Amino acid sequence: MKIAHVLRRLSFEAWGGTEQVVWNLAKAQRAAGHEVRLFATEALCGVREEEREGLQVHRFPRVYPWWPMPAQLAGELDRKGGNPFVPGLGRALREWGAETIHCHAMGRMAELCIRTAEKTGVPVVVSLHGGGAKVPAAEAESLRAPTRGRVPWGKAVEIALRWNRRVPEDADGIVCVGADEAGYWEGKHPHVLFLPNGVDCRTFSGGNRNRGAARLLCVARIDRQKNQMALVEALPRHPGTTLRCVGPATQPDYLEELKARAGALGVADRVSFAGGLPPGSPELVAEYRNADVFVLASRHEPFGIAVLEAWASGLPVVAGHVGGMGALCDAHPEAALTFEPDRAGALDAALDRLLRTPSLRRDMGRAGPKAAQDYDWKRLSAKLIAFYRELWHD
């Protein structure tokens, strides 16, 4: 099968959760004998065509439909919240002869994929990686903020092109990384697949089993959605603990807020930022192995790949009970403690329980690798291929 994965960006220097999922699925599908290519925009990457690990990557210019559009704003939209037109993408998909188009973006890119699939008579699948309509109001407002006050000329173009597809409703299939979102779409669409994110357990296995309690690790992009501020503000109430944040800054102003708040609380020397690290890299693996406890306080989270990595590394996990991440942790309560991010004192209570109970940390650390085994990329890829074939025979 010729499978085209389409995503908003694919920069190996500025990696995110969606890119990690698509890359690992594509590698597993190729290993199973399928012909796979990846199609993305040039966002955060100046390389048009490249091949890595046997996978061809094609990138196209992106046009954000607001005026004026200075380079700084374009860069900000590249990092998060962009909804571009992508000239040339549809033609490239048709010319390659994709037999299944799997779009990992919403908005205009998803509409283009749906229209292209209609013209070529192949099924199109849309993956919901970011929670879809379940993004909290404050988060949605932060996405709109960069373009406020600018002229939005995109709608006029959509009317001229007669773009009227509903996303994701008009796709042949919907893939949800969160169980809660899969439940939302089941009954509303005939073909819905819950496909959790995965992990390469071999890469992250072998972590230090002689755990202390002082070193907290958060692996997530620096972004208000990920709520690192709650972790910074918790440090003064947990003397002796340190916080290591690993992830690219998709909202640079938020990074500055975190640093300023740490300084104001007198814990600046206990907070460090590693920046983004390539998935599965020795540097990322080392961050997990140097930590004692993994903490993720996201305000909404469709799944939480980093939780799987922490489990595979043998780390006890403290996570916000939100979205698919809450369901993931509920499925493996022996490996995670959860808390309500918006409830005062909930994070502190979870940390207190874990930090003060060595036996609990030890037991959770042992349970993590067993839980991670359920999310092997090879197993998930086979499930996705079966879903594609279901759409072909429908």
Protein backbone atom coordinates (compact mmCIF):
# COMPACT_ATOMS: atom_id res chain seq x y z
CA MET A 1 0.00 0.00 0.00
CA LYS A 2 1.22 3.51 -0.85
CA ILE A 3 0.60 5.61 2.24
CA ALA A 4 0.97 9.40 2.36
CA HIS A 5 1.27 10.94 5.82
CA VAL A 6 0.52 14.68 5.75
CA LEU A 7 1.42 16.92 8.67
CA ARG A 8 1.76 20.63 9.26
CA ARG A 9 5.48 20.54 9.95
CA LEU A 10 8.33 18.05 10.15
CA SER A 11 11.49 19.63 11.45
CA PHE A 12 14.02 17.30 13.00
CA GLU A 13 15.42 20.25 14.95
CA ALA A 14 12.07 21.34 16.44
CA TRP A 15 10.29 18.12 17.26
CA GLY A 16 6.85 17.71 18.82
CA GLY A 17 4.48 14.94 19.81
CA THR A 18 2.64 14.79 16.48
CA GLU A 19 5.88 14.55 14.53
CA GLN A 20 7.08 11.77 16.82
CA VAL A 21 3.90 9.75 16.31
CA VAL A 22 3.90 10.14 12.53
CA TRP A 23 7.59 9.33 12.20
CA ASN A 24 7.37 6.16 14.26
CA LEU A 25 4.21 4.96 12.53
CA ALA A 26 5.79 5.61 9.13
CA LYS A 27 8.90 3.64 10.07
CA ALA A 28 6.81 0.73 11.33
CA GLN A 29 4.66 0.73 8.18
CA ARG A 30 7.73 0.78 5.96
CA ALA A 31 9.25 -2.10 7.95
CA ALA A 32 6.02 -4.05 7.29
CA GLY A 33 6.55 -3.68 3.52
CA HIS A 34 4.43 -0.62 2.67
CA GLU A 35 5.59 2.31 0.54
CA VAL A 36 5.40 5.39 2.75
CA ARG A 37 6.13 9.08 2.17
CA LEU A 38 5.73 12.13 4.38
CA PHE A 39 4.39 15.47 3.15
CA ALA A 40 4.70 18.64 5.22
CA THR A 41 5.20 22.40 4.99
CA GLU A 42 8.52 24.20 5.22
CA ALA A 43 7.64 25.45 8.72
CA LEU A 44 10.75 25.56 10.92
CA CYS A 45 12.75 23.78 8.22
CA GLY A 46 14.44 25.10 5.10
CA VAL A 47 14.97 21.70 3.45
CA ARG A 48 12.46 20.90 0.71
CA GLU A 49 13.36 17.27 -0.05
CA GLU A 50 15.26 14.79 2.09
CA GLU A 51 15.50 11.11 2.94
CA ARG A 52 16.02 9.77 6.45
CA GLU A 53 16.03 6.14 7.51
CA GLY A 54 14.66 5.18 4.11
CA LEU A 55 11.70 7.58 4.29
CA GLN A 56 11.19 10.34 1.73
CA VAL A 57 10.11 13.70 3.12
CA HIS A 58 8.58 16.35 0.82
CA ARG A 59 7.98 19.90 2.05
CA PHE A 60 6.03 22.73 0.47
CA PRO A 61 5.71 26.51 0.91
CA ARG A 62 3.05 27.60 3.39
CA VAL A 63 0.95 30.75 3.17
CA TYR A 64 -0.72 32.17 6.27
CA PRO A 65 -3.78 34.18 5.17
CA TRP A 66 -3.51 37.32 7.26
CA TRP A 67 -2.26 40.77 6.41
CA PRO A 68 0.21 42.05 7.27
CA MET A 69 2.34 38.92 7.78
CA PRO A 70 5.84 39.84 9.01
CA ALA A 71 8.46 37.10 9.23
CA GLN A 72 8.32 37.12 13.04
CA LEU A 73 4.60 36.36 13.03
CA ALA A 74 5.04 33.63 10.41
CA GLY A 75 7.65 32.03 12.65
CA GLU A 76 5.29 32.21 15.62
CA LEU A 77 2.54 30.50 13.61
CA ASP A 78 5.05 27.89 12.44
CA ARG A 79 5.63 26.94 16.06
CA LYS A 80 1.97 26.78 17.02
CA GLY A 81 -1.47 27.64 15.75
CA GLY A 82 -0.80 28.13 12.04
CA ASN A 83 -3.58 27.23 9.57
CA PRO A 84 -1.92 27.73 6.19
CA PHE A 85 -2.71 27.27 2.55
CA VAL A 86 -0.16 24.85 1.06
CA PRO A 87 0.27 25.35 -2.70
CA GLY A 88 1.50 22.28 -4.53
CA LEU A 89 0.61 19.72 -1.86
CA GLY A 90 -2.54 18.38 -3.52
CA ARG A 91 -0.82 18.02 -6.88
CA ALA A 92 2.10 16.17 -5.30
CA LEU A 93 -0.24 13.70 -3.60
CA ARG A 94 -2.03 13.02 -6.89
CA GLU A 95 1.18 12.65 -8.91
CA TRP A 96 2.71 10.21 -6.43
CA GLY A 97 -0.43 8.09 -6.56
CA ALA A 98 -1.07 7.73 -2.85
CA GLU A 99 -3.50 4.89 -2.10
CA THR A 100 -4.31 6.14 1.37
CA ILE A 101 -3.95 9.74 2.54
CA HIS A 102 -3.52 10.13 6.29
CA CYS A 103 -3.69 13.75 7.40
CA HIS A 104 -2.33 14.70 10.82
CA ALA A 105 -3.43 18.34 10.65
CA MET A 106 -6.76 20.10 10.85
CA GLY A 107 -8.07 23.18 9.06
CA ARG A 108 -7.04 23.96 5.51
CA MET A 109 -4.54 21.11 5.17
CA ALA A 110 -7.20 18.58 6.13
CA GLU A 111 -9.67 20.14 3.67
CA LEU A 112 -7.07 19.91 0.92
CA CYS A 113 -6.43 16.24 1.71
CA ILE A 114 -10.17 15.46 1.68
CA ARG A 115 -10.64 17.19 -1.68
CA THR A 116 -7.59 15.44 -3.14
CA ALA A 117 -8.84 12.04 -1.98
CA GLU A 118 -12.25 12.73 -3.53
CA LYS A 119 -10.60 13.46 -6.89
CA THR A 120 -8.41 10.34 -6.82
CA GLY A 121 -10.93 7.95 -5.31
CA VAL A 122 -8.79 6.89 -2.36
CA PRO A 123 -9.70 6.93 1.35
CA VAL A 124 -8.57 9.81 3.54
CA VAL A 125 -8.03 9.56 7.28
CA VAL A 126 -7.75 12.50 9.68
CA SER A 127 -5.94 12.05 12.99
CA LEU A 128 -6.90 14.15 16.00
CA HIS A 129 -3.65 14.67 17.87
CA GLY A 130 -4.42 17.83 19.78
CA GLY A 131 -7.78 17.26 21.35
CA GLY A 132 -9.83 18.74 18.49
CA ALA A 133 -12.81 20.66 19.77
CA LYS A 134 -11.90 19.90 23.38
CA VAL A 135 -9.24 22.62 23.57
CA PRO A 136 -10.05 24.78 26.63
CA ALA A 137 -11.25 28.32 25.97
CA ALA A 138 -8.11 29.94 27.39
CA GLU A 139 -5.90 27.77 25.18
CA ALA A 140 -7.98 28.53 22.08
CA GLU A 141 -7.74 32.23 22.87
CA SER A 142 -3.93 32.02 23.07
CA LEU A 143 -3.90 30.42 19.61
CA ARG A 144 -5.92 33.30 18.16
CA ALA A 145 -3.93 36.04 19.87
CA PRO A 146 -1.04 36.38 17.36
CA THR A 147 -3.35 37.26 14.45
CA ARG A 148 -5.74 39.54 16.31
CA GLY A 149 -6.12 42.90 14.56
CA ARG A 150 -4.86 41.63 11.19
CA VAL A 151 -6.89 41.30 8.00
CA PRO A 152 -8.03 37.65 7.51
CA TRP A 153 -8.19 37.20 3.74
CA GLY A 154 -8.27 33.40 3.85
CA LYS A 155 -12.05 33.10 4.06
CA ALA A 156 -12.47 34.94 0.75
CA VAL A 157 -10.12 32.47 -0.92
CA GLU A 158 -12.01 29.52 0.56
CA ILE A 159 -15.29 30.89 -0.83
CA ALA A 160 -13.70 31.40 -4.26
CA LEU A 161 -12.37 27.81 -4.20
CA ARG A 162 -15.72 26.51 -2.92
CA TRP A 163 -14.10 24.92 0.09
CA ASN A 164 -16.92 23.69 2.29
CA ARG A 165 -15.73 20.35 3.68
CA ARG A 166 -16.27 19.68 7.36
CA VAL A 167 -13.22 18.53 9.27
CA PRO A 168 -12.99 15.82 10.44
CA GLU A 169 -16.59 14.77 9.69
CA ASP A 170 -16.09 14.49 5.91
CA ALA A 171 -13.01 12.26 6.14
CA ASP A 172 -13.50 8.55 5.45
CA GLY A 173 -11.99 7.70 8.81
CA ILE A 174 -11.12 9.47 12.07
CA VAL A 175 -8.21 8.36 14.25
CA CYS A 176 -8.18 9.58 17.86
CA VAL A 177 -5.15 9.39 20.12
CA GLY A 178 -7.35 9.92 23.18
CA ALA A 179 -9.98 7.44 24.36
CA ASP A 180 -12.26 10.27 25.48
CA GLU A 181 -12.24 11.84 22.03
CA ALA A 182 -12.78 8.48 20.35
CA GLY A 183 -15.85 8.09 22.55
CA TYR A 184 -17.06 11.52 21.44
CA TRP A 185 -16.86 10.66 17.72
CA GLU A 186 -18.19 7.10 17.91
CA GLY A 187 -21.83 7.26 16.89
CA LYS A 188 -21.19 10.52 15.03
CA HIS A 189 -19.00 8.93 12.33
CA PRO A 190 -19.07 5.38 10.86
CA HIS A 191 -15.31 4.80 11.02
CA VAL A 192 -13.52 5.82 14.21
CA LEU A 193 -10.31 4.26 15.52
CA PHE A 194 -8.82 4.79 18.95
CA LEU A 195 -5.08 4.51 18.36
CA PRO A 196 -3.00 5.49 21.36
CA ASN A 197 0.49 6.80 20.94
CA GLY A 198 3.40 4.42 21.26
CA VAL A 199 6.93 4.03 22.51
CA ASP A 200 10.09 2.12 21.68
CA CYS A 201 10.64 0.36 24.98
CA ARG A 202 14.09 -0.85 24.01
CA THR A 203 15.33 2.70 23.56
CA PHE A 204 14.28 3.86 27.02
CA SER A 205 14.79 0.69 29.04
CA GLY A 206 17.62 0.20 31.53
CA GLY A 207 17.08 3.31 33.64
CA ASN A 208 18.57 3.72 37.11
CA ARG A 209 16.52 1.66 39.60
CA ASN A 210 18.13 3.19 42.71
CA ARG A 211 15.75 6.12 42.83
CA GLY A 212 15.97 9.09 45.13
CA ALA A 213 13.17 11.64 45.21
CA ALA A 214 14.58 15.06 44.50
CA ARG A 215 14.87 15.34 40.72
CA LEU A 216 11.59 16.13 38.93
CA LEU A 217 11.49 15.87 35.13
CA CYS A 218 8.92 17.33 32.71
CA VAL A 219 9.26 16.48 29.02
CA ALA A 220 6.89 18.70 27.03
CA ARG A 221 7.05 21.73 24.81
CA ILE A 222 7.23 25.01 26.74
CA ASP A 223 3.63 26.01 26.27
CA ARG A 224 0.76 27.19 28.45
CA GLN A 225 -1.15 24.02 27.62
CA LYS A 226 1.59 22.00 29.33
CA ASN A 227 1.29 24.11 32.50
CA GLN A 228 4.92 24.06 33.62
CA MET A 229 4.03 27.09 35.75
CA ALA A 230 2.28 24.79 38.24
CA LEU A 231 5.52 22.84 38.65
CA VAL A 232 7.60 25.97 39.17
CA GLU A 233 5.16 27.26 41.77
CA ALA A 234 5.19 23.91 43.60
CA LEU A 235 8.96 23.91 44.16
CA PRO A 236 9.01 26.24 47.23
CA ARG A 237 6.61 23.85 48.98
CA HIS A 238 8.92 20.88 48.34
CA PRO A 239 12.36 21.83 49.67
CA GLY A 240 15.30 20.05 48.10
CA THR A 241 13.52 19.20 44.87
CA THR A 242 14.72 20.38 41.45
CA LEU A 243 12.83 20.68 38.18
CA ARG A 244 14.26 19.87 34.75
CA CYS A 245 12.13 20.97 31.76
CA VAL A 246 12.89 19.36 28.40
CA GLY A 247 11.15 20.62 25.27
CA PRO A 248 11.18 23.37 22.63
CA ALA A 249 9.58 26.72 23.43
CA THR A 250 6.53 26.96 21.18
CA GLN A 251 5.51 30.03 23.20
CA PRO A 252 8.77 31.91 23.94
CA ASP A 253 6.97 34.52 26.04
CA TYR A 254 5.78 31.73 28.33
CA LEU A 255 9.36 30.56 28.79
CA GLU A 256 10.28 34.06 29.96
CA GLU A 257 7.30 34.04 32.35
CA LEU A 258 8.49 30.74 33.83
CA LYS A 259 12.01 32.06 34.38
CA ALA A 260 10.72 35.30 35.92
CA ARG A 261 8.37 33.42 38.26
CA ALA A 262 11.14 31.06 39.35
CA GLY A 263 13.27 34.08 40.17
CA ALA A 264 10.47 35.76 42.11
CA LEU A 265 9.92 32.59 44.17
CA GLY A 266 13.62 32.20 44.90
CA VAL A 267 13.92 28.85 43.08
CA ALA A 268 15.69 29.92 39.89
CA ASP A 269 18.71 27.81 40.83
CA ARG A 270 16.45 24.76 41.11
CA VAL A 271 14.84 25.06 37.65
CA SER A 272 16.64 24.32 34.37
CA PHE A 273 15.56 24.21 30.74
CA ALA A 274 17.21 21.79 28.30
CA GLY A 275 15.41 22.93 25.14
CA GLY A 276 14.11 20.48 22.56
CA LEU A 277 15.86 17.14 22.13
CA PRO A 278 15.41 14.72 19.20
CA PRO A 279 13.06 11.81 19.98
CA GLY A 280 14.84 8.71 21.12
CA SER A 281 18.19 10.50 21.16
CA PRO A 282 20.88 9.57 23.68
CA GLU A 283 20.47 13.03 25.20
CA LEU A 284 16.75 12.51 25.77
CA VAL A 285 17.26 9.02 27.16
CA ALA A 286 19.87 10.45 29.54
CA GLU A 287 17.36 13.03 30.83
CA TYR A 288 14.97 10.26 31.84
CA ARG A 289 17.75 8.20 33.42
CA ASN A 290 18.98 11.18 35.45
CA ALA A 291 15.52 11.89 36.89
CA ASP A 292 13.71 10.49 39.92
CA VAL A 293 10.09 11.40 39.20
CA PHE A 294 8.30 12.37 35.98
CA VAL A 295 5.66 15.12 36.28
CA LEU A 296 3.27 16.46 33.63
CA ALA A 297 0.64 19.00 34.70
CA SER A 298 -1.03 19.67 31.31
CA ARG A 299 -4.33 21.52 31.28
CA HIS A 300 -5.52 19.29 28.44
CA GLU A 301 -3.77 16.33 26.87
CA PRO A 302 -5.18 13.90 24.28
CA PHE A 303 -2.66 11.24 25.27
CA GLY A 304 0.82 12.02 26.63
CA ILE A 305 3.67 10.26 24.82
CA ALA A 306 6.16 11.34 27.45
CA VAL A 307 4.26 9.29 30.04
CA LEU A 308 5.05 6.16 28.02
CA GLU A 309 8.71 7.15 27.77
CA ALA A 310 8.84 7.73 31.53
CA TRP A 311 7.26 4.34 32.19
CA ALA A 312 9.66 2.60 29.82
CA SER A 313 12.50 4.34 31.68
CA GLY A 314 11.29 3.01 35.02
CA LEU A 315 10.16 6.38 36.39
CA PRO A 316 7.14 6.86 38.67
CA VAL A 317 4.69 9.27 37.02
CA VAL A 318 2.62 12.13 38.44
CA ALA A 319 0.20 13.43 35.80
CA GLY A 320 -2.79 15.69 35.44
CA HIS A 321 -6.05 13.76 35.15
CA VAL A 322 -7.11 15.36 31.85
CA GLY A 323 -8.23 13.98 28.51
CA GLY A 324 -6.63 10.87 27.11
CA MET A 325 -3.71 11.16 29.52
CA GLY A 326 -6.06 10.70 32.44
CA ALA A 327 -7.55 7.62 30.79
CA LEU A 328 -4.07 6.26 30.08
CA CYS A 329 -3.05 6.60 33.72
CA ASP A 330 -6.38 5.14 34.89
CA ALA A 331 -5.62 2.05 32.80
CA HIS A 332 -2.34 1.59 34.69
CA PRO A 333 -2.94 2.94 38.22
CA GLU A 334 -0.03 0.93 39.56
CA ALA A 335 2.36 3.12 37.52
CA ALA A 336 0.94 6.64 37.95
CA LEU A 337 -0.58 9.07 40.43
CA THR A 338 -3.01 11.60 38.95
CA PHE A 339 -4.36 14.94 40.15
CA GLU A 340 -6.84 17.58 39.00
CA PRO A 341 -4.74 20.46 37.56
CA ASP A 342 -7.31 23.11 38.47
CA ARG A 343 -7.88 21.95 42.05
CA ALA A 344 -5.85 23.83 44.64
CA GLY A 345 -3.36 21.63 46.44
CA ALA A 346 -3.94 18.57 44.24
CA LEU A 347 -0.46 18.57 42.69
CA ASP A 348 1.19 19.12 46.08
CA ALA A 349 -0.75 16.23 47.60
CA ALA A 350 0.32 13.85 44.83
CA LEU A 351 3.95 14.93 45.07
CA ASP A 352 3.95 14.68 48.86
CA ARG A 353 2.60 11.15 48.74
CA LEU A 354 5.21 10.02 46.23
CA LEU A 355 8.23 11.90 47.55
CA ARG A 356 7.66 10.75 51.13
CA THR A 357 7.07 7.06 50.30
CA PRO A 358 10.16 5.28 48.95
CA SER A 359 8.33 1.96 48.64
CA LEU A 360 5.64 3.56 46.47
CA ARG A 361 8.26 5.10 44.16
CA ARG A 362 9.99 1.75 43.89
CA ASP A 363 6.80 -0.18 43.09
CA MET A 364 5.64 2.40 40.52
CA GLY A 365 9.06 2.40 38.89
CA ARG A 366 8.86 -1.38 38.47
CA ALA A 367 5.31 -1.24 37.11
CA GLY A 368 6.09 1.35 34.44
CA PRO A 369 8.03 -0.82 31.96
CA LYS A 370 5.29 -3.46 32.09
CA ALA A 371 2.64 -0.84 31.31
CA ALA A 372 4.68 0.58 28.42
CA GLN A 373 4.82 -2.81 26.69
CA ASP A 374 1.14 -2.45 25.74
CA TYR A 375 2.04 0.43 23.40
CA ASP A 376 4.59 -1.09 21.03
CA TRP A 377 4.80 0.80 17.72
CA LYS A 378 4.71 -2.41 15.62
CA ARG A 379 1.45 -3.46 17.25
CA LEU A 380 -0.13 -0.03 16.78
CA SER A 381 0.97 0.17 13.13
CA ALA A 382 -0.66 -3.16 12.30
CA LYS A 383 -3.90 -1.95 13.86
CA LEU A 384 -3.79 1.21 11.73
CA ILE A 385 -3.16 -0.72 8.49
CA ALA A 386 -6.20 -2.87 9.25
CA PHE A 387 -8.23 0.33 9.65
CA TYR A 388 -7.05 1.60 6.23
CA ARG A 389 -8.13 -1.68 4.62
CA GLU A 390 -11.51 -1.45 6.30
CA LEU A 391 -12.04 1.90 4.59
CA TRP A 392 -11.02 0.48 1.21
CA HIS A 393 -13.60 -2.31 1.49
CA ASP A 394 -16.42 -0.19 2.89
